[in-house]
Amino acid sequence: MKEIEVVIDTDEIAEFFYNQLIQRGYVPKTEETDELADIVFDYLVEKCMIDEIFDEE
């Protein structure tokens, strides 16, 4: 299987959830969509779909 590099941006996920929820008639708070983004990221790590890599700065 070929390995590809994927970058997951939780801010982008939060914005996506915010926009989708607005379209569906919900008015989420920023903290709520940020939390959802973190949950999605954790789910992807737990399911071994992505690896969490920490930048060494």
Protein backbone atom coordinates (compact mmCIF):
# COMPACT_ATOMS: atom_id res chain seq x y z
CA MET A 1 0.00 0.00 0.00
CA LYS A 2 1.32 3.43 -0.92
CA GLU A 3 1.76 5.90 1.91
CA ILE A 4 0.70 9.51 1.38
CA GLU A 5 1.13 12.52 3.59
CA VAL A 6 -2.10 14.10 4.82
CA VAL A 7 -2.25 17.24 6.90
CA ILE A 8 -5.30 17.59 9.14
CA ASP A 9 -6.10 21.13 10.25
CA THR A 10 -8.48 21.17 13.20
CA ASP A 11 -9.28 24.84 12.55
CA GLU A 12 -10.46 23.85 9.07
CA ILE A 13 -12.54 21.01 10.54
CA ALA A 14 -14.09 23.42 13.07
CA GLU A 15 -15.00 25.86 10.30
CA PHE A 16 -16.52 23.03 8.25
CA PHE A 17 -18.66 21.90 11.20
CA TYR A 18 -19.70 25.49 11.93
CA ASN A 19 -20.84 26.07 8.34
CA GLN A 20 -22.63 22.71 8.14
CA LEU A 21 -24.44 23.28 11.43
CA ILE A 22 -25.51 26.79 10.36
CA GLN A 23 -26.91 25.37 7.11
CA ARG A 24 -28.90 22.83 9.14
CA GLY A 25 -30.42 25.47 11.41
CA TYR A 26 -28.12 25.23 14.43
CA VAL A 27 -26.19 28.13 15.93
CA PRO A 28 -23.07 26.59 17.45
CA LYS A 29 -20.61 28.44 19.64
CA THR A 30 -16.99 28.60 18.54
CA GLU A 31 -15.96 26.50 21.54
CA GLU A 32 -18.41 23.79 20.48
CA THR A 33 -17.11 23.51 16.94
CA ASP A 34 -13.51 23.57 18.21
CA GLU A 35 -14.37 20.69 20.53
CA LEU A 36 -16.00 18.75 17.69
CA ALA A 37 -12.88 19.25 15.56
CA ASP A 38 -10.69 17.89 18.36
CA ILE A 39 -13.00 14.87 18.73
CA VAL A 40 -12.81 14.14 14.99
CA PHE A 41 -9.02 14.39 15.09
CA ASP A 42 -8.83 12.04 18.08
CA TYR A 43 -11.15 9.62 16.29
CA LEU A 44 -8.94 9.56 13.19
CA VAL A 45 -5.88 8.88 15.36
CA GLU A 46 -7.67 6.16 17.33
CA LYS A 47 -8.80 4.41 14.14
CA CYS A 48 -5.21 4.55 12.82
CA MET A 49 -6.32 6.61 9.84
CA ILE A 50 -3.71 9.24 10.69
CA ASP A 51 -0.68 9.54 12.93
CA GLU A 52 -0.22 12.51 15.21
CA ILE A 53 3.18 14.06 14.56
CA PHE A 54 4.57 16.74 16.82
CA ASP A 55 6.71 19.44 15.23
CA GLU A 56 10.16 19.73 16.74
CA GLU A 57 10.79 23.46 16.98
